[in-house]
Amino acid sequence: MQKKLYPVRGYVCGILSGATWGLDAVLLGVAMAMAPFVENKILVAGGAILASALHDVFSAIWLAIYMGYKGRLRELWPAFKTRDGRYCALAALFGGPLAMTFYVLAIGVGGAALTANVTAIYPLLGTVLAVLILKERTGLQTWLGIVLCVIGIMVMGYMPSDNGNANVMGGIAFALVAAIGWATEGVVCGYGMKEGRVDPMLALLIREVVSGTAYILLVAPIFLKGFGNVFSGTAAVFAHVPCWIVIVVTALIGMSSFGCWYTSIDNIGAAKALCLNVTYSFWAVIFTLLLALFVPQYVTGNITLHIVIGSVLMLVGVSLANLYHANRL
């Protein structure tokens, strides 16, 4: 009887992962619209990378506090030594520094619209990998649902005027790497948790520690041209109290999002979890509308008809991909 609850938990956590990641993206945008990121010379050039780095570092701190409270921090190092833990660490490198770094590069080279269109294929890539590597069974309706989700994202992100002076081929190349990174993270993590020796929260702790460490020691120094600039940029952020508070709170929400996503992968598989997680674009629209009511000065862009249409397509796609399978689990 209790076993039947696991799929329900997987679907609920999958939906929550999308909702919280949508909120995470909106709040991170708020932080990057604040004074340090628009006035400091270092952050104007490399602010997106540093914001991503601080996000993952504080997510790791929040999770370490939680796991310490649960008395589970001592499990981290032994988990790193296991085969399952090493797969989770590998997934962290694919989804954190690799995917996010190339995502930011793609926006800079090819424009936001092009990047949104290309990275939208990551659920499809993840499903293909889940079928090939994890041997997950995926029916026609799941594929159709995921395609609708991807079309929805493409409709929401399509703004031709953004791409006037873009390096299209370079943007496509970088965005494809980002999409592959996110898709691979879900599948590799699912493979690491497949035997049950590493549970979702321990896998997430490995993920955040590895990603945060790689960002601070490797990615941020490379893109900000040295540890000195990383330190100066971080100091500028912490000198502005509202900015670092937003980043710290956003990191907590991001940690919760990944916790829900990893739990969803563990319970219903990477293919369906990816489809639910990708609804973050829809939730970002909802939270942007709410934010515009209270602090419109931090909201960039407008909610247009193509965004609304894309959101509806996404909801239909998720329903089609998941409801058909609910009675088979």
C-alpha atoms as a PDB file:
ATOM      1  CA  MET A   1       0.000   0.000   0.000  1.00  0.00           C
ATOM      2  CA  GLN A   2       2.763   2.414   0.929  1.00  0.00           C
ATOM      3  CA  LYS A   3       4.589   1.722  -2.325  1.00  0.00           C
ATOM      4  CA  LYS A   4       1.738   3.279  -4.326  1.00  0.00           C
ATOM      5  CA  LEU A   5       2.503   6.630  -2.717  1.00  0.00           C
ATOM      6  CA  TYR A   6       5.920   6.893  -4.348  1.00  0.00           C
ATOM      7  CA  PRO A   7       4.674   7.813  -7.848  1.00  0.00           C
ATOM      8  CA  VAL A   8       2.386  10.444  -6.321  1.00  0.00           C
ATOM      9  CA  ARG A   9       5.335  11.896  -4.442  1.00  0.00           C
ATOM     10  CA  GLY A  10       7.354  11.855  -7.671  1.00  0.00           C
ATOM     11  CA  TYR A  11       4.740  13.828  -9.592  1.00  0.00           C
ATOM     12  CA  VAL A  12       4.145  16.328  -6.778  1.00  0.00           C
ATOM     13  CA  CYS A  13       7.884  16.889  -6.343  1.00  0.00           C
ATOM     14  CA  GLY A  14       8.312  17.232 -10.097  1.00  0.00           C
ATOM     15  CA  ILE A  15       5.689  19.989 -10.241  1.00  0.00           C
ATOM     16  CA  LEU A  16       7.225  21.702  -7.207  1.00  0.00           C
ATOM     17  CA  SER A  17      10.667  21.515  -8.828  1.00  0.00           C
ATOM     18  CA  GLY A  18       9.364  23.472 -11.803  1.00  0.00           C
ATOM     19  CA  ALA A  19       7.514  26.015  -9.656  1.00  0.00           C
ATOM     20  CA  THR A  20      10.433  26.695  -7.326  1.00  0.00           C
ATOM     21  CA  TRP A  21      12.950  26.874 -10.191  1.00  0.00           C
ATOM     22  CA  GLY A  22      10.714  29.416 -11.917  1.00  0.00           C
ATOM     23  CA  LEU A  23      10.690  31.472  -8.713  1.00  0.00           C
ATOM     24  CA  ASP A  24      14.451  30.987  -8.395  1.00  0.00           C
ATOM     25  CA  ALA A  25      15.041  32.379 -11.899  1.00  0.00           C
ATOM     26  CA  VAL A  26      12.823  35.412 -11.260  1.00  0.00           C
ATOM     27  CA  LEU A  27      14.487  36.252  -7.935  1.00  0.00           C
ATOM     28  CA  LEU A  28      17.980  35.804  -9.397  1.00  0.00           C
ATOM     29  CA  GLY A  29      16.941  38.270 -12.074  1.00  0.00           C
ATOM     30  CA  VAL A  30      15.872  40.678  -9.330  1.00  0.00           C
ATOM     31  CA  ALA A  31      19.287  40.395  -7.670  1.00  0.00           C
ATOM     32  CA  MET A  32      21.063  41.028 -10.972  1.00  0.00           C
ATOM     33  CA  ALA A  33      18.958  44.159 -11.550  1.00  0.00           C
ATOM     34  CA  MET A  34      20.278  45.665  -8.310  1.00  0.00           C
ATOM     35  CA  ALA A  35      23.066  48.223  -8.002  1.00  0.00           C
ATOM     36  CA  PRO A  36      26.148  45.937  -7.737  1.00  0.00           C
ATOM     37  CA  PHE A  37      25.424  44.118 -10.988  1.00  0.00           C
ATOM     38  CA  VAL A  38      24.620  47.233 -13.018  1.00  0.00           C
ATOM     39  CA  GLU A  39      27.222  49.632 -11.558  1.00  0.00           C
ATOM     40  CA  ASN A  40      30.308  47.570 -10.681  1.00  0.00           C
ATOM     41  CA  LYS A  41      32.625  47.169 -13.706  1.00  0.00           C
ATOM     42  CA  ILE A  42      33.610  43.607 -12.784  1.00  0.00           C
ATOM     43  CA  LEU A  43      30.003  42.500 -12.353  1.00  0.00           C
ATOM     44  CA  VAL A  44      28.794  44.212 -15.518  1.00  0.00           C
ATOM     45  CA  ALA A  45      31.169  41.951 -17.455  1.00  0.00           C
ATOM     46  CA  GLY A  46      30.973  38.718 -15.421  1.00  0.00           C
ATOM     47  CA  GLY A  47      28.015  39.199 -13.113  1.00  0.00           C
ATOM     48  CA  ALA A  48      25.998  36.275 -14.484  1.00  0.00           C
ATOM     49  CA  ILE A  49      28.824  33.829 -13.768  1.00  0.00           C
ATOM     50  CA  LEU A  50      29.416  35.185 -10.260  1.00  0.00           C
ATOM     51  CA  ALA A  51      25.682  35.172  -9.495  1.00  0.00           C
ATOM     52  CA  SER A  52      25.494  31.524 -10.555  1.00  0.00           C
ATOM     53  CA  ALA A  53      28.554  30.720  -8.449  1.00  0.00           C
ATOM     54  CA  LEU A  54      27.181  32.438  -5.319  1.00  0.00           C
ATOM     55  CA  HIS A  55      23.838  30.755  -5.902  1.00  0.00           C
ATOM     56  CA  ASP A  56      25.354  27.263  -5.869  1.00  0.00           C
ATOM     57  CA  VAL A  57      27.707  28.026  -2.960  1.00  0.00           C
ATOM     58  CA  PHE A  58      24.888  29.262  -0.748  1.00  0.00           C
ATOM     59  CA  SER A  59      22.678  26.367  -1.850  1.00  0.00           C
ATOM     60  CA  ALA A  60      25.432  24.035  -0.624  1.00  0.00           C
ATOM     61  CA  ILE A  61      25.597  25.925   2.696  1.00  0.00           C
ATOM     62  CA  TRP A  62      21.831  25.755   3.184  1.00  0.00           C
ATOM     63  CA  LEU A  63      21.810  22.042   2.411  1.00  0.00           C
ATOM     64  CA  ALA A  64      24.788  21.393   4.706  1.00  0.00           C
ATOM     65  CA  ILE A  65      22.880  23.103   7.535  1.00  0.00           C
ATOM     66  CA  TYR A  66      19.831  20.944   6.857  1.00  0.00           C
ATOM     67  CA  MET A  67      21.812  17.714   6.587  1.00  0.00           C
ATOM     68  CA  GLY A  68      23.778  18.649   9.698  1.00  0.00           C
ATOM     69  CA  TYR A  69      20.508  19.140  11.574  1.00  0.00           C
ATOM     70  CA  LYS A  70      19.452  15.686  10.410  1.00  0.00           C
ATOM     71  CA  GLY A  71      22.802  14.261  11.545  1.00  0.00           C
ATOM     72  CA  ARG A  72      23.701  13.168   8.017  1.00  0.00           C
ATOM     73  CA  LEU A  73      26.730  15.308   7.126  1.00  0.00           C
ATOM     74  CA  ARG A  74      29.024  12.439   8.070  1.00  0.00           C
ATOM     75  CA  GLU A  75      27.529  10.459   5.162  1.00  0.00           C
ATOM     76  CA  LEU A  76      28.933  12.882   2.563  1.00  0.00           C
ATOM     77  CA  TRP A  77      32.548  11.702   2.335  1.00  0.00           C
ATOM     78  CA  PRO A  78      31.733   7.951   2.393  1.00  0.00           C
ATOM     79  CA  ALA A  79      29.146   8.624  -0.345  1.00  0.00           C
ATOM     80  CA  PHE A  80      31.802  10.331  -2.484  1.00  0.00           C
ATOM     81  CA  LYS A  81      33.831   7.118  -2.396  1.00  0.00           C
ATOM     82  CA  THR A  82      31.002   4.971  -3.736  1.00  0.00           C
ATOM     83  CA  ARG A  83      30.216   4.304  -7.381  1.00  0.00           C
ATOM     84  CA  ASP A  84      26.776   5.923  -6.955  1.00  0.00           C
ATOM     85  CA  GLY A  85      28.256   9.017  -5.327  1.00  0.00           C
ATOM     86  CA  ARG A  86      30.773   9.440  -8.132  1.00  0.00           C
ATOM     87  CA  TYR A  87      27.960   9.377 -10.689  1.00  0.00           C
ATOM     88  CA  CYS A  88      26.114  12.064  -8.712  1.00  0.00           C
ATOM     89  CA  ALA A  89      29.302  14.167  -8.640  1.00  0.00           C
ATOM     90  CA  LEU A  90      29.654  13.727 -12.398  1.00  0.00           C
ATOM     91  CA  ALA A  91      26.026  14.804 -12.851  1.00  0.00           C
ATOM     92  CA  ALA A  92      26.792  17.948 -10.829  1.00  0.00           C
ATOM     93  CA  LEU A  93      29.573  18.938 -13.211  1.00  0.00           C
ATOM     94  CA  PHE A  94      27.304  18.439 -16.218  1.00  0.00           C
ATOM     95  CA  GLY A  95      24.358  20.388 -14.811  1.00  0.00           C
ATOM     96  CA  GLY A  96      26.126  23.101 -12.806  1.00  0.00           C
ATOM     97  CA  PRO A  97      29.319  24.645 -14.208  1.00  0.00           C
ATOM     98  CA  LEU A  98      29.149  23.080 -17.692  1.00  0.00           C
ATOM     99  CA  ALA A  99      25.492  23.743 -18.594  1.00  0.00           C
ATOM    100  CA  MET A 100      25.106  27.091 -16.849  1.00  0.00           C
ATOM    101  CA  THR A 101      28.413  28.453 -18.159  1.00  0.00           C
ATOM    102  CA  PHE A 102      27.626  27.570 -21.769  1.00  0.00           C
ATOM    103  CA  TYR A 103      24.074  28.873 -21.295  1.00  0.00           C
ATOM    104  CA  VAL A 104      25.433  32.291 -20.319  1.00  0.00           C
ATOM    105  CA  LEU A 105      27.962  32.161 -23.181  1.00  0.00           C
ATOM    106  CA  ALA A 106      25.204  31.292 -25.662  1.00  0.00           C
ATOM    107  CA  ILE A 107      23.144  34.299 -24.590  1.00  0.00           C
ATOM    108  CA  GLY A 108      26.176  36.556 -24.996  1.00  0.00           C
ATOM    109  CA  VAL A 109      27.100  35.192 -28.429  1.00  0.00           C
ATOM    110  CA  GLY A 110      23.793  34.284 -30.059  1.00  0.00           C
ATOM    111  CA  GLY A 111      21.164  36.230 -28.130  1.00  0.00           C
ATOM    112  CA  ALA A 112      18.492  35.240 -25.620  1.00  0.00           C
ATOM    113  CA  ALA A 113      15.887  34.142 -28.177  1.00  0.00           C
ATOM    114  CA  LEU A 114      18.237  31.792 -30.027  1.00  0.00           C
ATOM    115  CA  THR A 115      19.478  30.329 -26.741  1.00  0.00           C
ATOM    116  CA  ALA A 116      15.932  29.745 -25.462  1.00  0.00           C
ATOM    117  CA  ASN A 117      14.998  27.941 -28.663  1.00  0.00           C
ATOM    118  CA  VAL A 118      18.027  25.641 -28.727  1.00  0.00           C
ATOM    119  CA  THR A 119      18.181  24.783 -25.011  1.00  0.00           C
ATOM    120  CA  ALA A 120      14.471  23.949 -25.126  1.00  0.00           C
ATOM    121  CA  ILE A 121      15.398  20.556 -26.575  1.00  0.00           C
ATOM    122  CA  TYR A 122      16.963  19.363 -23.316  1.00  0.00           C
ATOM    123  CA  PRO A 123      13.871  17.380 -22.170  1.00  0.00           C
ATOM    124  CA  LEU A 124      13.936  15.497 -25.472  1.00  0.00           C
ATOM    125  CA  LEU A 125      17.648  14.787 -25.103  1.00  0.00           C
ATOM    126  CA  GLY A 126      17.076  13.671 -21.524  1.00  0.00           C
ATOM    127  CA  THR A 127      14.279  11.339 -22.547  1.00  0.00           C
ATOM    128  CA  VAL A 128      16.412   9.789 -25.286  1.00  0.00           C
ATOM    129  CA  LEU A 129      19.247   9.255 -22.802  1.00  0.00           C
ATOM    130  CA  ALA A 130      16.851   7.869 -20.186  1.00  0.00           C
ATOM    131  CA  VAL A 131      15.508   5.338 -22.689  1.00  0.00           C
ATOM    132  CA  LEU A 132      18.965   4.317 -23.925  1.00  0.00           C
ATOM    133  CA  ILE A 133      20.865   4.301 -20.614  1.00  0.00           C
ATOM    134  CA  LEU A 134      18.292   3.782 -17.862  1.00  0.00           C
ATOM    135  CA  LYS A 135      16.039   1.550 -20.007  1.00  0.00           C
ATOM    136  CA  GLU A 136      12.980   3.590 -19.020  1.00  0.00           C
ATOM    137  CA  ARG A 137       9.789   2.804 -20.910  1.00  0.00           C
ATOM    138  CA  THR A 138       8.372   5.850 -22.665  1.00  0.00           C
ATOM    139  CA  GLY A 139       5.172   5.759 -24.717  1.00  0.00           C
ATOM    140  CA  LEU A 140       4.088   7.838 -27.688  1.00  0.00           C
ATOM    141  CA  GLN A 141       1.996  10.153 -25.535  1.00  0.00           C
ATOM    142  CA  THR A 142       5.027  10.998 -23.404  1.00  0.00           C
ATOM    143  CA  TRP A 143       6.987  11.948 -26.520  1.00  0.00           C
ATOM    144  CA  LEU A 144       4.108  14.059 -27.853  1.00  0.00           C
ATOM    145  CA  GLY A 145       3.783  15.766 -24.474  1.00  0.00           C
ATOM    146  CA  ILE A 146       7.476  16.597 -24.318  1.00  0.00           C
ATOM    147  CA  VAL A 147       7.369  17.950 -27.882  1.00  0.00           C
ATOM    148  CA  LEU A 148       4.489  20.235 -26.857  1.00  0.00           C
ATOM    149  CA  CYS A 149       6.521  21.411 -23.860  1.00  0.00           C
ATOM    150  CA  VAL A 150       9.457  22.212 -26.125  1.00  0.00           C
ATOM    151  CA  ILE A 151       7.207  24.049 -28.612  1.00  0.00           C
ATOM    152  CA  GLY A 152       5.734  26.006 -25.720  1.00  0.00           C
ATOM    153  CA  ILE A 153       9.167  27.128 -24.560  1.00  0.00           C
ATOM    154  CA  MET A 154      10.153  28.042 -28.118  1.00  0.00           C
ATOM    155  CA  VAL A 155       7.001  30.138 -28.528  1.00  0.00           C
ATOM    156  CA  MET A 156       7.676  31.919 -25.232  1.00  0.00           C
ATOM    157  CA  GLY A 157      11.298  32.629 -26.080  1.00  0.00           C
ATOM    158  CA  TYR A 158      10.890  33.630 -29.720  1.00  0.00           C
ATOM    159  CA  MET A 159      11.723  37.320 -30.261  1.00  0.00           C
ATOM    160  CA  PRO A 160      13.311  37.816 -33.711  1.00  0.00           C
ATOM    161  CA  SER A 161      14.551  41.335 -32.950  1.00  0.00           C
ATOM    162  CA  ASP A 162      16.984  39.935 -30.363  1.00  0.00           C
ATOM    163  CA  ASN A 163      18.956  38.065 -32.973  1.00  0.00           C
ATOM    164  CA  GLY A 164      19.750  40.884 -35.423  1.00  0.00           C
ATOM    165  CA  ASN A 165      23.500  40.996 -34.752  1.00  0.00           C
ATOM    166  CA  ALA A 166      23.897  37.557 -33.242  1.00  0.00           C
ATOM    167  CA  ASN A 167      26.538  34.985 -34.085  1.00  0.00           C
ATOM    168  CA  VAL A 168      24.004  32.295 -34.930  1.00  0.00           C
ATOM    169  CA  MET A 169      26.354  29.340 -35.384  1.00  0.00           C
ATOM    170  CA  GLY A 170      28.351  30.169 -32.257  1.00  0.00           C
ATOM    171  CA  GLY A 171      25.163  30.648 -30.250  1.00  0.00           C
ATOM    172  CA  ILE A 172      23.756  27.325 -31.444  1.00  0.00           C
ATOM    173  CA  ALA A 173      26.988  25.518 -30.578  1.00  0.00           C
ATOM    174  CA  PHE A 174      27.146  26.914 -27.026  1.00  0.00           C
ATOM    175  CA  ALA A 175      23.419  26.398 -26.410  1.00  0.00           C
ATOM    176  CA  LEU A 176      23.615  22.778 -27.579  1.00  0.00           C
ATOM    177  CA  VAL A 177      26.342  22.118 -25.010  1.00  0.00           C
ATOM    178  CA  ALA A 178      24.108  23.655 -22.304  1.00  0.00           C
ATOM    179  CA  ALA A 179      21.130  21.529 -23.358  1.00  0.00           C
ATOM    180  CA  ILE A 180      23.233  18.371 -23.393  1.00  0.00           C
ATOM    181  CA  GLY A 181      24.606  19.250 -19.952  1.00  0.00           C
ATOM    182  CA  TRP A 182      21.170  19.636 -18.350  1.00  0.00           C
ATOM    183  CA  ALA A 183      19.809  16.519 -20.012  1.00  0.00           C
ATOM    184  CA  THR A 184      22.850  14.502 -18.975  1.00  0.00           C
ATOM    185  CA  GLU A 185      22.636  15.707 -15.378  1.00  0.00           C
ATOM    186  CA  GLY A 186      19.144  14.275 -14.934  1.00  0.00           C
ATOM    187  CA  VAL A 187      20.029  10.926 -16.492  1.00  0.00           C
ATOM    188  CA  VAL A 188      23.423  10.471 -14.820  1.00  0.00           C
ATOM    189  CA  CYS A 189      21.947  11.435 -11.462  1.00  0.00           C
ATOM    190  CA  GLY A 190      19.097   8.984 -12.016  1.00  0.00           C
ATOM    191  CA  TYR A 191      21.659   6.292 -12.784  1.00  0.00           C
ATOM    192  CA  GLY A 192      23.567   7.153  -9.615  1.00  0.00           C
ATOM    193  CA  MET A 193      20.437   6.786  -7.469  1.00  0.00           C
ATOM    194  CA  LYS A 194      19.193   3.691  -9.298  1.00  0.00           C
ATOM    195  CA  GLU A 195      20.607   1.174  -6.791  1.00  0.00           C
ATOM    196  CA  GLY A 196      19.240   3.065  -3.780  1.00  0.00           C
ATOM    197  CA  ARG A 197      22.610   3.487  -2.019  1.00  0.00           C
ATOM    198  CA  VAL A 198      22.483   7.287  -2.426  1.00  0.00           C
ATOM    199  CA  ASP A 199      19.115   8.907  -1.672  1.00  0.00           C
ATOM    200  CA  PRO A 200      17.955  12.170  -3.320  1.00  0.00           C
ATOM    201  CA  MET A 201      19.029  14.499  -0.485  1.00  0.00           C
ATOM    202  CA  LEU A 202      22.503  12.976  -0.260  1.00  0.00           C
ATOM    203  CA  ALA A 203      22.792  13.125  -4.056  1.00  0.00           C
ATOM    204  CA  LEU A 204      21.785  16.779  -3.912  1.00  0.00           C
ATOM    205  CA  LEU A 205      24.379  17.522  -1.235  1.00  0.00           C
ATOM    206  CA  ILE A 206      27.040  15.990  -3.483  1.00  0.00           C
ATOM    207  CA  ARG A 207      25.701  18.026  -6.396  1.00  0.00           C
ATOM    208  CA  GLU A 208      25.793  21.376  -4.625  1.00  0.00           C
ATOM    209  CA  VAL A 209      29.200  20.847  -3.014  1.00  0.00           C
ATOM    210  CA  VAL A 210      30.792  19.765  -6.301  1.00  0.00           C
ATOM    211  CA  SER A 211      29.113  22.482  -8.369  1.00  0.00           C
ATOM    212  CA  GLY A 212      29.839  25.293  -5.894  1.00  0.00           C
ATOM    213  CA  THR A 213      33.479  24.226  -5.529  1.00  0.00           C
ATOM    214  CA  ALA A 214      33.986  24.007  -9.308  1.00  0.00           C
ATOM    215  CA  TYR A 215      32.442  27.443  -9.787  1.00  0.00           C
ATOM    216  CA  ILE A 216      34.605  29.166  -7.156  1.00  0.00           C
ATOM    217  CA  LEU A 217      37.900  27.415  -7.935  1.00  0.00           C
ATOM    218  CA  LEU A 218      37.643  27.123 -11.712  1.00  0.00           C
ATOM    219  CA  VAL A 219      34.767  28.734 -13.607  1.00  0.00           C
ATOM    220  CA  ALA A 220      34.488  32.127 -11.864  1.00  0.00           C
ATOM    221  CA  PRO A 221      38.263  32.855 -11.854  1.00  0.00           C
ATOM    222  CA  ILE A 222      38.467  32.022 -15.571  1.00  0.00           C
ATOM    223  CA  PHE A 223      35.559  34.238 -16.635  1.00  0.00           C
ATOM    224  CA  LEU A 224      36.271  37.069 -14.186  1.00  0.00           C
ATOM    225  CA  LYS A 225      40.009  36.946 -15.040  1.00  0.00           C
ATOM    226  CA  GLY A 226      41.446  35.990 -11.682  1.00  0.00           C
ATOM    227  CA  PHE A 227      40.651  35.314  -8.038  1.00  0.00           C
ATOM    228  CA  GLY A 228      41.181  39.008  -7.281  1.00  0.00           C
ATOM    229  CA  ASN A 229      38.211  39.992  -9.423  1.00  0.00           C
ATOM    230  CA  VAL A 230      36.132  37.174  -7.928  1.00  0.00           C
ATOM    231  CA  PHE A 231      36.885  38.541  -4.451  1.00  0.00           C
ATOM    232  CA  SER A 232      36.213  42.158  -5.490  1.00  0.00           C
ATOM    233  CA  GLY A 233      32.946  41.238  -7.194  1.00  0.00           C
ATOM    234  CA  THR A 234      31.789  39.200  -4.207  1.00  0.00           C
ATOM    235  CA  ALA A 235      32.702  42.082  -1.852  1.00  0.00           C
ATOM    236  CA  ALA A 236      30.614  44.462  -3.995  1.00  0.00           C
ATOM    237  CA  VAL A 237      27.626  42.126  -3.699  1.00  0.00           C
ATOM    238  CA  PHE A 238      27.947  41.844   0.076  1.00  0.00           C
ATOM    239  CA  ALA A 239      28.330  45.597   0.445  1.00  0.00           C
ATOM    240  CA  HIS A 240      24.745  45.909  -0.839  1.00  0.00           C
ATOM    241  CA  VAL A 241      22.561  44.298   1.837  1.00  0.00           C
ATOM    242  CA  PRO A 242      19.314  43.836  -0.181  1.00  0.00           C
ATOM    243  CA  CYS A 243      21.278  42.189  -2.995  1.00  0.00           C
ATOM    244  CA  TRP A 244      23.000  39.510  -0.959  1.00  0.00           C
ATOM    245  CA  ILE A 245      19.835  38.831   1.042  1.00  0.00           C
ATOM    246  CA  VAL A 246      17.960  38.133  -2.207  1.00  0.00           C
ATOM    247  CA  ILE A 247      20.776  35.846  -3.406  1.00  0.00           C
ATOM    248  CA  VAL A 248      20.869  33.914  -0.132  1.00  0.00           C
ATOM    249  CA  VAL A 249      17.075  33.462  -0.111  1.00  0.00           C
ATOM    250  CA  THR A 250      17.136  32.498  -3.796  1.00  0.00           C
ATOM    251  CA  ALA A 251      19.785  29.880  -3.051  1.00  0.00           C
ATOM    252  CA  LEU A 252      17.471  28.352  -0.443  1.00  0.00           C
ATOM    253  CA  ILE A 253      14.669  28.183  -3.006  1.00  0.00           C
ATOM    254  CA  GLY A 254      17.049  26.754  -5.601  1.00  0.00           C
ATOM    255  CA  MET A 255      18.194  24.084  -3.159  1.00  0.00           C
ATOM    256  CA  SER A 256      14.559  23.164  -2.537  1.00  0.00           C
ATOM    257  CA  SER A 257      13.945  22.994  -6.282  1.00  0.00           C
ATOM    258  CA  PHE A 258      16.811  20.583  -6.864  1.00  0.00           C
ATOM    259  CA  GLY A 259      15.732  18.520  -3.868  1.00  0.00           C
ATOM    260  CA  CYS A 260      12.274  18.160  -5.408  1.00  0.00           C
ATOM    261  CA  TRP A 261      13.741  17.383  -8.839  1.00  0.00           C
ATOM    262  CA  TYR A 262      16.093  14.695  -7.561  1.00  0.00           C
ATOM    263  CA  THR A 263      13.250  13.175  -5.532  1.00  0.00           C
ATOM    264  CA  SER A 264      11.061  13.180  -8.647  1.00  0.00           C
ATOM    265  CA  ILE A 265      13.810  11.479 -10.687  1.00  0.00           C
ATOM    266  CA  ASP A 266      14.174   8.856  -7.964  1.00  0.00           C
ATOM    267  CA  ASN A 267      10.442   8.098  -7.875  1.00  0.00           C
ATOM    268  CA  ILE A 268       9.137   8.389 -11.438  1.00  0.00           C
ATOM    269  CA  GLY A 269      12.283   8.337 -13.598  1.00  0.00           C
ATOM    270  CA  ALA A 270      14.341  10.940 -15.402  1.00  0.00           C
ATOM    271  CA  ALA A 271      12.100  11.221 -18.494  1.00  0.00           C
ATOM    272  CA  LYS A 272       8.926  12.234 -16.649  1.00  0.00           C
ATOM    273  CA  ALA A 273      10.838  14.296 -14.065  1.00  0.00           C
ATOM    274  CA  LEU A 274      12.456  16.297 -16.879  1.00  0.00           C
ATOM    275  CA  CYS A 275       9.060  17.000 -18.417  1.00  0.00           C
ATOM    276  CA  LEU A 276       7.683  18.312 -15.123  1.00  0.00           C
ATOM    277  CA  ASN A 277      10.809  20.310 -14.302  1.00  0.00           C
ATOM    278  CA  VAL A 278      10.760  22.109 -17.649  1.00  0.00           C
ATOM    279  CA  THR A 279       7.517  23.864 -16.634  1.00  0.00           C
ATOM    280  CA  TYR A 280       9.733  26.380 -14.811  1.00  0.00           C
ATOM    281  CA  SER A 281       9.178  28.744 -17.780  1.00  0.00           C
ATOM    282  CA  PHE A 282       5.434  28.745 -17.128  1.00  0.00           C
ATOM    283  CA  TRP A 283       5.937  29.344 -13.419  1.00  0.00           C
ATOM    284  CA  ALA A 284       8.419  32.121 -14.156  1.00  0.00           C
ATOM    285  CA  VAL A 285       5.643  33.915 -16.055  1.00  0.00           C
ATOM    286  CA  ILE A 286       3.292  33.606 -13.089  1.00  0.00           C
ATOM    287  CA  PHE A 287       5.875  34.870 -10.594  1.00  0.00           C
ATOM    288  CA  THR A 288       6.915  37.699 -12.921  1.00  0.00           C
ATOM    289  CA  LEU A 289       3.313  38.896 -13.068  1.00  0.00           C
ATOM    290  CA  LEU A 290       3.076  38.782  -9.273  1.00  0.00           C
ATOM    291  CA  LEU A 291       6.395  40.580  -8.906  1.00  0.00           C
ATOM    292  CA  ALA A 292       5.251  43.324 -11.281  1.00  0.00           C
ATOM    293  CA  LEU A 293       2.434  44.127  -8.873  1.00  0.00           C
ATOM    294  CA  PHE A 294       4.758  44.796  -5.944  1.00  0.00           C
ATOM    295  CA  VAL A 295       8.234  45.765  -7.213  1.00  0.00           C
ATOM    296  CA  PRO A 296       7.860  46.641 -10.916  1.00  0.00           C
ATOM    297  CA  GLN A 297      11.254  48.383 -10.989  1.00  0.00           C
ATOM    298  CA  TYR A 298      12.963  44.972 -10.859  1.00  0.00           C
ATOM    299  CA  VAL A 299      10.917  43.379 -13.645  1.00  0.00           C
ATOM    300  CA  THR A 300      12.462  43.307 -17.110  1.00  0.00           C
ATOM    301  CA  GLY A 301      10.488  42.566 -20.264  1.00  0.00           C
ATOM    302  CA  ASN A 302       6.751  42.276 -20.844  1.00  0.00           C
ATOM    303  CA  ILE A 303       4.312  39.380 -20.636  1.00  0.00           C
ATOM    304  CA  THR A 304       3.171  39.105 -24.247  1.00  0.00           C
ATOM    305  CA  LEU A 305       0.627  36.968 -26.074  1.00  0.00           C
ATOM    306  CA  HIS A 306       3.247  34.511 -27.346  1.00  0.00           C
ATOM    307  CA  ILE A 307       4.385  33.936 -23.754  1.00  0.00           C
ATOM    308  CA  VAL A 308       0.816  33.167 -22.650  1.00  0.00           C
ATOM    309  CA  ILE A 309       0.313  30.800 -25.610  1.00  0.00           C
ATOM    310  CA  GLY A 310       3.601  29.057 -24.858  1.00  0.00           C
ATOM    311  CA  SER A 311       2.603  28.588 -21.224  1.00  0.00           C
ATOM    312  CA  VAL A 312      -0.682  26.958 -22.219  1.00  0.00           C
ATOM    313  CA  LEU A 313       1.108  24.623 -24.652  1.00  0.00           C
ATOM    314  CA  MET A 314       3.438  23.646 -21.847  1.00  0.00           C
ATOM    315  CA  LEU A 315       0.633  22.756 -19.446  1.00  0.00           C
ATOM    316  CA  VAL A 316      -1.073  20.644 -22.124  1.00  0.00           C
ATOM    317  CA  GLY A 317       2.225  18.919 -22.881  1.00  0.00           C
ATOM    318  CA  VAL A 318       2.902  18.053 -19.250  1.00  0.00           C
ATOM    319  CA  SER A 319      -0.618  16.679 -18.813  1.00  0.00           C
ATOM    320  CA  LEU A 320      -0.332  14.584 -21.968  1.00  0.00           C
ATOM    321  CA  ALA A 321       3.086  13.220 -21.044  1.00  0.00           C
ATOM    322  CA  ASN A 322       2.279  12.292 -17.461  1.00  0.00           C
ATOM    323  CA  LEU A 323      -1.411  11.623 -16.874  1.00  0.00           C
ATOM    324  CA  TYR A 324      -1.454   8.667 -19.294  1.00  0.00           C
ATOM    325  CA  HIS A 325       1.228   6.915 -17.257  1.00  0.00           C
ATOM    326  CA  ALA A 326      -0.122   7.646 -13.773  1.00  0.00           C
ATOM    327  CA  ASN A 327      -2.434   4.604 -13.708  1.00  0.00           C
ATOM    328  CA  ARG A 328       0.399   2.307 -14.855  1.00  0.00           C
ATOM    329  CA  LEU A 329       2.730   2.973 -11.919  1.00  0.00           C
END
